[in-house]
Protein backbone atom coordinates (compact mmCIF):
# COMPACT_ATOMS: atom_id res chain seq x y z
CA MET A 1 -6.05 0.55 19.82
CA SER A 2 -2.72 1.08 21.52
CA GLU A 3 -3.80 2.11 25.01
CA ALA A 4 -6.94 2.36 27.13
CA ILE A 5 -7.14 3.73 30.66
CA VAL A 6 -9.93 4.56 33.12
CA ASP A 7 -9.71 8.08 34.55
CA PRO A 8 -9.27 8.48 38.34
CA SER A 9 -12.97 9.27 38.85
CA GLY A 10 -13.97 5.97 37.22
CA GLU A 11 -16.43 7.83 34.98
CA TRP A 12 -14.53 7.74 31.67
CA LEU A 13 -12.49 5.28 29.58
CA TYR A 14 -9.85 7.10 27.51
CA VAL A 15 -8.55 5.35 24.37
CA ASN A 16 -5.49 6.26 22.27
CA GLU A 17 -6.26 4.98 18.77
CA THR A 18 -3.23 4.03 16.67
CA VAL A 19 -4.95 3.79 13.28
CA GLY A 20 -7.32 6.70 13.87
CA GLN A 21 -4.50 8.94 15.19
CA ARG A 22 -6.73 10.36 17.93
CA THR A 23 -7.69 10.09 21.58
CA SER A 24 -11.32 9.31 22.32
CA ARG A 25 -13.28 8.76 25.49
CA TYR A 26 -16.33 6.75 26.46
CA PRO A 27 -18.51 7.36 29.51
CA ILE A 28 -18.71 4.35 31.83
CA ARG A 29 -22.39 3.90 32.63
CA ALA A 30 -23.83 2.76 35.97
CA ASP A 31 -24.47 -0.70 34.44
CA ALA A 32 -20.70 -0.92 33.60
CA LEU A 33 -21.33 -0.65 29.83
CA LEU A 34 -19.74 2.07 27.72
CA GLY A 35 -21.74 5.01 26.42
CA ALA A 36 -21.29 6.85 23.14
CA LYS A 37 -17.75 7.61 21.95
CA GLU A 38 -16.50 11.21 22.09
CA ALA A 39 -13.50 12.24 19.99
CA ARG A 40 -11.21 14.32 22.21
CA SER A 41 -8.13 15.24 20.18
CA ALA A 42 -6.13 14.42 17.08
CA VAL A 43 -2.65 13.03 17.65
CA SER A 44 0.35 14.75 16.12
CA LYS A 45 1.71 12.73 13.20
CA GLY A 46 5.26 13.66 14.22
CA ALA A 47 5.62 11.19 17.09
CA ALA A 48 9.18 9.85 17.22
CA CYS A 49 8.03 6.23 17.42
CA GLY A 50 5.39 6.56 14.68
CA ALA A 51 2.53 5.81 17.08
CA PRO A 52 0.26 8.01 19.20
CA PRO A 53 1.86 8.89 22.54
CA SER A 54 0.42 7.59 25.78
CA ARG A 55 -1.40 9.86 28.22
CA LEU A 56 2.00 10.75 29.66
CA GLY A 57 3.29 11.85 26.25
CA ARG A 58 5.44 8.77 25.76
CA CYS A 59 5.45 6.26 22.92
CA PRO A 60 3.47 3.14 23.79
CA ARG A 61 5.40 0.07 24.86
CA THR A 62 5.68 -2.84 22.47
CA SER A 63 5.36 -6.41 23.67
CA GLY A 64 8.24 -8.81 23.44
């Protein structure tokens, strides 16, 4: 996983998956556990950095 972010409503966790080359989302349940995964979109394989872009369309930051 390269990035995970909670949407502004607090109802969904969006995940950009590096290996899977897709963005998925999980509902955040009332008990704070995640519900079933939903695949949302495939990521273009032509990203300049070789990794899925973030939700803003940018390459993810690397640590270091």
